[in-house]
Structure formats: C-alpha cells, structure tokens
Amino acid sequence: MEEKRIMHYRSSHIILLVGEGDFSFSLSLARAFGSASNMVATSLDSRESLVLKYGSASSNLSELEVLGCTVLHNVDVGNMSQHLYLKNKSFDRIIFNFPHAGFVCRESDELQILLHRRLVSGFFKSAKSIVSSSGEIHVSHKTSYPFFKWDIEGLAVIEGLILIEEVDFQQSYYPGYSNKRGSGSQCDHSFPIGMSSTFKFCCLTI
C-alpha cells in the first residue's frame, strides 16, 4: 500500500494524539492517510462531556472510528503511560497540540504559567515511557509572550529529552483542524494561534 503523508506524519507511523479537543486534528490526519488504523486519539474529557462541549465532536468521533481509529477518553497525559491500553504500547509519534492547564488566572500570571509547566512536565515524563526508541514527541505551542515563558525546551531537557527541530505551525497545514479553547462558556470557540511552533523531541540516548 502506498504510504501517505501530511506534514511531519506518515501513514506508516504508529501515532498517539493526546489532549484532543473536538478531535478535528486527529481527523485531519486520518483523512490524509485514508485510514486511522495506525492511530490512537485521546481526550481528558469523557465522551459525554465532549459531545456537550463541542458541536462537531460527535461527527468527528464517528468518522474517526469508521476509519479505524482507537479512541480513548478520561486519559490524563500525566499518567497515560499507566493506562491499561497504552502502557504496553510503543508509538512512533506522540502529539500534544497547544497544551493548557485550564483558566485559573491571566496567562501572564506566574501561577498560571506554573500550572502549564507542570502539565507539560508530566506529559514529557509519561510520554518518554511509551515512545519508541526512534520515535518523536511533538508539542505545538505559541511562541509569543507570555507563552515562551513556559520554556518547553527546558522542561524537555529535565526529562532527558532533546530538541530535534522546531518548525513553524500553521493551522492551514491541517485541513479541517479547528483548535478549541477547551473550557469555560466559550469552550467551543477557537483561539488565535498566532506565532506558534511544533517542537520535536526525542529521548536522549547514551
């Protein structure tokens, strides 16, 4: 079967997507591949909560499952390596787009930044246990103020990960992808992505 590709991802990759909103990013990949049998897509929310929060969630999930995607809910990125389905798996690509710890205070407040950093650190710690030896962990993130203060690369280094590459992220690269705020009364609204990058990490080998 001919290999298909969209940006950094190929149909031959075993892919784990975490922290999905309405699952439109997962669906963008699945449509590009013509199949999602190589993909596991997860959310922190329950399926019932997703359908209430996002107008397109139900149809996106149904299409993903028809395409062969394994969909998991109530998955916390901080302990996903212990999840019954995931803990014995190995993934070529693990993707977390625009991580966010929820709206506690203003994005520029130190407490809010600390909560975001804890979320990303927990993700890195868990992801490195289930990424393949030649695999990559990808985080897409805003690079403008105050988001650069999260120091994504520094958090990765602490967990024994090294930056392979930082590449520009554009929503148009992924047809059908609609980023979501994820919480509050405007949870189904998109937020301006602005200047953003996909940071690609791999595990440090001795």
C-alpha atoms as a PDB file:
ATOM      1  CA  MET A   1       0.000   0.000   0.000  1.00  0.00           C
ATOM      2  CA  GLU A   2       1.320   3.450  -0.925  1.00  0.00           C
ATOM      3  CA  GLU A   3       2.496   5.489   2.033  1.00  0.00           C
ATOM      4  CA  LYS A   4       0.664   8.774   2.556  1.00  0.00           C
ATOM      5  CA  ARG A   5       1.939  11.841   4.336  1.00  0.00           C
ATOM      6  CA  ILE A   6       0.744  15.076   5.942  1.00  0.00           C
ATOM      7  CA  MET A   7       3.439  17.421   7.230  1.00  0.00           C
ATOM      8  CA  HIS A   8       5.559  15.504   9.815  1.00  0.00           C
ATOM      9  CA  TYR A   9       3.335  12.409   9.877  1.00  0.00           C
ATOM     10  CA  ARG A  10       3.189   9.307   7.673  1.00  0.00           C
ATOM     11  CA  SER A  11       0.613   6.576   7.368  1.00  0.00           C
ATOM     12  CA  SER A  12       3.258   4.062   8.459  1.00  0.00           C
ATOM     13  CA  HIS A  13       3.741   5.795  11.827  1.00  0.00           C
ATOM     14  CA  ILE A  14       2.052   4.450  14.946  1.00  0.00           C
ATOM     15  CA  ILE A  15       0.621   7.696  16.314  1.00  0.00           C
ATOM     16  CA  LEU A  16      -0.734   8.713  19.719  1.00  0.00           C
ATOM     17  CA  LEU A  17      -2.602  12.018  19.979  1.00  0.00           C
ATOM     18  CA  VAL A  18      -3.376  13.380  23.446  1.00  0.00           C
ATOM     19  CA  GLY A  19      -5.390  16.244  24.850  1.00  0.00           C
ATOM     20  CA  GLU A  20      -7.651  16.371  21.817  1.00  0.00           C
ATOM     21  CA  GLY A  21     -10.485  18.916  21.839  1.00  0.00           C
ATOM     22  CA  ASP A  22     -13.128  18.119  19.241  1.00  0.00           C
ATOM     23  CA  PHE A  23     -10.791  15.541  17.626  1.00  0.00           C
ATOM     24  CA  SER A  24     -10.564  17.574  14.426  1.00  0.00           C
ATOM     25  CA  PHE A  25      -6.751  17.355  14.366  1.00  0.00           C
ATOM     26  CA  SER A  26      -6.852  13.566  14.595  1.00  0.00           C
ATOM     27  CA  LEU A  27      -9.456  13.516  11.853  1.00  0.00           C
ATOM     28  CA  SER A  28      -7.301  15.730   9.628  1.00  0.00           C
ATOM     29  CA  LEU A  29      -4.505  13.157   9.822  1.00  0.00           C
ATOM     30  CA  ALA A  30      -6.889  10.235   9.329  1.00  0.00           C
ATOM     31  CA  ARG A  31      -8.407  11.792   6.222  1.00  0.00           C
ATOM     32  CA  ALA A  32      -4.960  12.474   4.776  1.00  0.00           C
ATOM     33  CA  PHE A  33      -3.953   8.842   5.356  1.00  0.00           C
ATOM     34  CA  GLY A  34      -7.290   7.407   4.219  1.00  0.00           C
ATOM     35  CA  SER A  35      -7.231   5.298   7.380  1.00  0.00           C
ATOM     36  CA  ALA A  36      -6.765   5.735  11.119  1.00  0.00           C
ATOM     37  CA  SER A  37      -5.862   2.155  11.952  1.00  0.00           C
ATOM     38  CA  ASN A  38      -2.389   3.384  12.961  1.00  0.00           C
ATOM     39  CA  MET A  39      -3.763   5.991  15.365  1.00  0.00           C
ATOM     40  CA  VAL A  40      -4.843   6.243  18.991  1.00  0.00           C
ATOM     41  CA  ALA A  41      -6.579   9.532  19.836  1.00  0.00           C
ATOM     42  CA  THR A  42      -7.341  10.527  23.424  1.00  0.00           C
ATOM     43  CA  SER A  43      -9.043  13.212  25.475  1.00  0.00           C
ATOM     44  CA  LEU A  44      -9.126  14.164  29.130  1.00  0.00           C
ATOM     45  CA  ASP A  45     -12.890  14.641  28.832  1.00  0.00           C
ATOM     46  CA  SER A  46     -15.437  11.850  28.791  1.00  0.00           C
ATOM     47  CA  ARG A  47     -17.249  11.198  25.521  1.00  0.00           C
ATOM     48  CA  GLU A  48     -20.461  12.585  27.009  1.00  0.00           C
ATOM     49  CA  SER A  49     -18.708  15.794  28.044  1.00  0.00           C
ATOM     50  CA  LEU A  50     -17.110  16.203  24.621  1.00  0.00           C
ATOM     51  CA  VAL A  51     -20.448  15.964  22.832  1.00  0.00           C
ATOM     52  CA  LEU A  52     -21.870  18.645  25.127  1.00  0.00           C
ATOM     53  CA  LYS A  53     -18.849  20.948  24.755  1.00  0.00           C
ATOM     54  CA  TYR A  54     -18.113  20.739  21.038  1.00  0.00           C
ATOM     55  CA  GLY A  55     -20.637  20.929  18.221  1.00  0.00           C
ATOM     56  CA  SER A  56     -18.524  18.784  15.883  1.00  0.00           C
ATOM     57  CA  ALA A  57     -17.245  16.230  18.403  1.00  0.00           C
ATOM     58  CA  SER A  58     -19.864  13.552  17.769  1.00  0.00           C
ATOM     59  CA  SER A  59     -19.478  13.529  13.982  1.00  0.00           C
ATOM     60  CA  ASN A  60     -15.673  13.745  14.214  1.00  0.00           C
ATOM     61  CA  LEU A  61     -15.511  10.804  16.601  1.00  0.00           C
ATOM     62  CA  SER A  62     -17.870   8.717  14.484  1.00  0.00           C
ATOM     63  CA  GLU A  63     -15.818   9.323  11.336  1.00  0.00           C
ATOM     64  CA  LEU A  64     -12.568   8.544  13.139  1.00  0.00           C
ATOM     65  CA  GLU A  65     -13.924   5.244  14.396  1.00  0.00           C
ATOM     66  CA  VAL A  66     -15.203   4.297  10.929  1.00  0.00           C
ATOM     67  CA  LEU A  67     -11.658   4.962   9.672  1.00  0.00           C
ATOM     68  CA  GLY A  68     -10.301   2.553  12.305  1.00  0.00           C
ATOM     69  CA  CYS A  69      -9.032   4.923  14.996  1.00  0.00           C
ATOM     70  CA  THR A  70      -8.843   3.751  18.604  1.00  0.00           C
ATOM     71  CA  VAL A  71     -10.481   6.497  20.673  1.00  0.00           C
ATOM     72  CA  LEU A  72      -9.904   6.731  24.424  1.00  0.00           C
ATOM     73  CA  HIS A  73     -11.435   9.139  26.929  1.00  0.00           C
ATOM     74  CA  ASN A  74     -10.610  10.195  30.507  1.00  0.00           C
ATOM     75  CA  VAL A  75      -6.897   9.942  29.694  1.00  0.00           C
ATOM     76  CA  ASP A  76      -4.660  12.170  31.835  1.00  0.00           C
ATOM     77  CA  VAL A  77      -1.420  12.972  29.994  1.00  0.00           C
ATOM     78  CA  GLY A  78       0.451  12.950  33.285  1.00  0.00           C
ATOM     79  CA  ASN A  79      -0.156   9.243  33.919  1.00  0.00           C
ATOM     80  CA  MET A  80      -1.081   7.937  30.464  1.00  0.00           C
ATOM     81  CA  SER A  81       1.871   5.528  30.492  1.00  0.00           C
ATOM     82  CA  GLN A  82      -0.030   3.594  33.184  1.00  0.00           C
ATOM     83  CA  HIS A  83      -3.278   3.464  31.223  1.00  0.00           C
ATOM     84  CA  LEU A  84      -4.390  -0.141  30.683  1.00  0.00           C
ATOM     85  CA  TYR A  85      -4.492   0.216  26.905  1.00  0.00           C
ATOM     86  CA  LEU A  86      -1.401   2.401  26.477  1.00  0.00           C
ATOM     87  CA  LYS A  87       1.132   1.062  28.957  1.00  0.00           C
ATOM     88  CA  ASN A  88       2.278  -1.847  26.810  1.00  0.00           C
ATOM     89  CA  LYS A  89       2.266   0.111  23.553  1.00  0.00           C
ATOM     90  CA  SER A  90       5.083   1.909  21.738  1.00  0.00           C
ATOM     91  CA  PHE A  91       4.458   4.904  19.478  1.00  0.00           C
ATOM     92  CA  ASP A  92       6.477   6.459  16.668  1.00  0.00           C
ATOM     93  CA  ARG A  93       4.890   9.865  17.214  1.00  0.00           C
ATOM     94  CA  ILE A  94       3.195  11.272  20.316  1.00  0.00           C
ATOM     95  CA  ILE A  95       1.416  14.582  19.653  1.00  0.00           C
ATOM     96  CA  PHE A  96       0.151  17.186  22.129  1.00  0.00           C
ATOM     97  CA  ASN A  97      -1.196  20.322  20.451  1.00  0.00           C
ATOM     98  CA  PHE A  98      -1.453  23.536  22.450  1.00  0.00           C
ATOM     99  CA  PRO A  99      -1.403  22.078  25.978  1.00  0.00           C
ATOM    100  CA  HIS A 100      -3.335  24.109  28.507  1.00  0.00           C
ATOM    101  CA  ALA A 101      -3.913  23.569  32.223  1.00  0.00           C
ATOM    102  CA  GLY A 102      -7.219  25.460  32.284  1.00  0.00           C
ATOM    103  CA  PHE A 103      -8.058  29.067  33.066  1.00  0.00           C
ATOM    104  CA  VAL A 104      -7.171  29.829  36.685  1.00  0.00           C
ATOM    105  CA  CYS A 105      -5.878  33.373  36.213  1.00  0.00           C
ATOM    106  CA  ARG A 106      -4.342  35.524  33.484  1.00  0.00           C
ATOM    107  CA  GLU A 107      -1.943  33.795  31.090  1.00  0.00           C
ATOM    108  CA  SER A 108       0.860  36.124  32.165  1.00  0.00           C
ATOM    109  CA  ASP A 109       0.448  35.374  35.895  1.00  0.00           C
ATOM    110  CA  GLU A 110       3.184  33.260  37.425  1.00  0.00           C
ATOM    111  CA  LEU A 111       0.683  30.823  38.958  1.00  0.00           C
ATOM    112  CA  GLN A 112      -0.924  30.167  35.584  1.00  0.00           C
ATOM    113  CA  ILE A 113       2.478  29.642  33.948  1.00  0.00           C
ATOM    114  CA  LEU A 114       3.483  27.249  36.749  1.00  0.00           C
ATOM    115  CA  LEU A 115       0.330  25.175  36.208  1.00  0.00           C
ATOM    116  CA  HIS A 116       1.033  24.975  32.481  1.00  0.00           C
ATOM    117  CA  ARG A 117       4.640  23.954  33.102  1.00  0.00           C
ATOM    118  CA  ARG A 118       3.540  21.196  35.478  1.00  0.00           C
ATOM    119  CA  LEU A 119       1.148  19.873  32.845  1.00  0.00           C
ATOM    120  CA  VAL A 120       3.837  19.764  30.154  1.00  0.00           C
ATOM    121  CA  SER A 121       6.414  18.239  32.517  1.00  0.00           C
ATOM    122  CA  GLY A 122       4.004  15.470  33.451  1.00  0.00           C
ATOM    123  CA  PHE A 123       3.305  14.840  29.794  1.00  0.00           C
ATOM    124  CA  PHE A 124       7.008  14.540  28.955  1.00  0.00           C
ATOM    125  CA  LYS A 125       7.642  12.207  31.889  1.00  0.00           C
ATOM    126  CA  SER A 126       4.813   9.907  30.812  1.00  0.00           C
ATOM    127  CA  ALA A 127       5.368  10.146  27.042  1.00  0.00           C
ATOM    128  CA  LYS A 128       9.009   9.103  27.178  1.00  0.00           C
ATOM    129  CA  SER A 129       7.928   5.734  28.614  1.00  0.00           C
ATOM    130  CA  ILE A 130       5.778   4.879  25.604  1.00  0.00           C
ATOM    131  CA  VAL A 131       7.636   6.454  22.682  1.00  0.00           C
ATOM    132  CA  SER A 132       9.612   4.048  20.502  1.00  0.00           C
ATOM    133  CA  SER A 133      13.421   4.125  20.553  1.00  0.00           C
ATOM    134  CA  SER A 134      13.480   6.049  17.270  1.00  0.00           C
ATOM    135  CA  GLY A 135      10.213   7.899  17.927  1.00  0.00           C
ATOM    136  CA  GLU A 136       9.468  11.566  18.484  1.00  0.00           C
ATOM    137  CA  ILE A 137       7.376  13.562  20.944  1.00  0.00           C
ATOM    138  CA  HIS A 138       5.758  16.651  19.393  1.00  0.00           C
ATOM    139  CA  VAL A 139       4.344  19.672  21.208  1.00  0.00           C
ATOM    140  CA  SER A 140       2.772  22.522  19.252  1.00  0.00           C
ATOM    141  CA  HIS A 141       2.821  25.742  21.256  1.00  0.00           C
ATOM    142  CA  LYS A 142       2.607  29.500  20.945  1.00  0.00           C
ATOM    143  CA  THR A 143       5.994  31.227  20.919  1.00  0.00           C
ATOM    144  CA  SER A 144       4.870  34.793  21.706  1.00  0.00           C
ATOM    145  CA  TYR A 145       4.679  36.400  25.184  1.00  0.00           C
ATOM    146  CA  PRO A 146       3.790  35.084  27.718  1.00  0.00           C
ATOM    147  CA  PHE A 147       3.778  31.561  26.270  1.00  0.00           C
ATOM    148  CA  PHE A 148       7.523  31.398  25.674  1.00  0.00           C
ATOM    149  CA  LYS A 149       7.911  31.669  29.453  1.00  0.00           C
ATOM    150  CA  TRP A 150       6.751  28.060  29.736  1.00  0.00           C
ATOM    151  CA  ASP A 151      10.238  27.126  28.439  1.00  0.00           C
ATOM    152  CA  ILE A 152       9.089  23.990  26.629  1.00  0.00           C
ATOM    153  CA  GLU A 153      12.623  23.035  25.642  1.00  0.00           C
ATOM    154  CA  GLY A 154      13.939  23.406  29.189  1.00  0.00           C
ATOM    155  CA  LEU A 155      11.168  21.203  30.564  1.00  0.00           C
ATOM    156  CA  ALA A 156      12.044  18.549  27.999  1.00  0.00           C
ATOM    157  CA  VAL A 157      15.732  18.609  28.922  1.00  0.00           C
ATOM    158  CA  ILE A 158      14.865  17.970  32.573  1.00  0.00           C
ATOM    159  CA  GLU A 159      13.071  14.783  31.447  1.00  0.00           C
ATOM    160  CA  GLY A 160      16.016  13.581  29.366  1.00  0.00           C
ATOM    161  CA  LEU A 161      14.614  14.702  26.023  1.00  0.00           C
ATOM    162  CA  ILE A 162      16.460  16.666  23.364  1.00  0.00           C
ATOM    163  CA  LEU A 163      15.103  19.040  20.758  1.00  0.00           C
ATOM    164  CA  ILE A 164      15.453  17.679  17.241  1.00  0.00           C
ATOM    165  CA  GLU A 165      13.774  20.522  15.412  1.00  0.00           C
ATOM    166  CA  GLU A 166      11.434  23.488  15.857  1.00  0.00           C
ATOM    167  CA  VAL A 167       9.184  24.169  12.866  1.00  0.00           C
ATOM    168  CA  ASP A 168       6.521  26.740  12.109  1.00  0.00           C
ATOM    169  CA  PHE A 169       2.948  25.657  12.862  1.00  0.00           C
ATOM    170  CA  GLN A 170       0.171  26.865  10.583  1.00  0.00           C
ATOM    171  CA  GLN A 171      -3.430  25.738  11.013  1.00  0.00           C
ATOM    172  CA  SER A 172      -3.829  25.598   7.226  1.00  0.00           C
ATOM    173  CA  TYR A 173      -1.317  22.738   7.103  1.00  0.00           C
ATOM    174  CA  TYR A 174      -4.038  20.522   8.593  1.00  0.00           C
ATOM    175  CA  PRO A 175      -7.319  20.863   6.628  1.00  0.00           C
ATOM    176  CA  GLY A 176     -10.362  20.673   8.877  1.00  0.00           C
ATOM    177  CA  TYR A 177      -8.455  21.299  12.116  1.00  0.00           C
ATOM    178  CA  SER A 178     -10.252  23.684  14.469  1.00  0.00           C
ATOM    179  CA  ASN A 179      -8.402  24.478  17.681  1.00  0.00           C
ATOM    180  CA  LYS A 180     -10.581  24.924  20.760  1.00  0.00           C
ATOM    181  CA  ARG A 181     -10.396  26.922  23.993  1.00  0.00           C
ATOM    182  CA  GLY A 182     -11.469  23.776  25.838  1.00  0.00           C
ATOM    183  CA  SER A 183     -13.045  25.204  28.977  1.00  0.00           C
ATOM    184  CA  GLY A 184     -15.441  27.892  30.133  1.00  0.00           C
ATOM    185  CA  SER A 185     -18.517  29.276  28.399  1.00  0.00           C
ATOM    186  CA  GLN A 186     -16.552  29.696  25.148  1.00  0.00           C
ATOM    187  CA  CYS A 187     -15.045  26.206  25.144  1.00  0.00           C
ATOM    188  CA  ASP A 188     -16.173  25.542  21.552  1.00  0.00           C
ATOM    189  CA  HIS A 189     -14.579  28.759  20.274  1.00  0.00           C
ATOM    190  CA  SER A 190     -11.186  28.834  18.599  1.00  0.00           C
ATOM    191  CA  PHE A 191      -8.338  30.949  19.940  1.00  0.00           C
ATOM    192  CA  PRO A 192      -5.828  32.881  17.809  1.00  0.00           C
ATOM    193  CA  ILE A 193      -2.814  30.647  17.215  1.00  0.00           C
ATOM    194  CA  GLY A 194      -0.563  33.493  16.111  1.00  0.00           C
ATOM    195  CA  MET A 195       3.156  32.722  16.196  1.00  0.00           C
ATOM    196  CA  SER A 196       3.414  29.025  17.009  1.00  0.00           C
ATOM    197  CA  SER A 197       5.841  26.171  16.521  1.00  0.00           C
ATOM    198  CA  THR A 198       5.870  22.406  16.617  1.00  0.00           C
ATOM    199  CA  PHE A 199       8.721  21.312  18.886  1.00  0.00           C
ATOM    200  CA  LYS A 200      10.032  17.831  18.072  1.00  0.00           C
ATOM    201  CA  PHE A 201      11.840  15.911  20.803  1.00  0.00           C
ATOM    202  CA  CYS A 202      13.469  12.516  21.095  1.00  0.00           C
ATOM    203  CA  CYS A 203      14.848  10.598  24.047  1.00  0.00           C
ATOM    204  CA  LEU A 204      18.487  11.150  24.919  1.00  0.00           C
ATOM    205  CA  THR A 205      20.493   8.016  24.244  1.00  0.00           C
ATOM    206  CA  ILE A 206      23.829   7.297  25.928  1.00  0.00           C
END
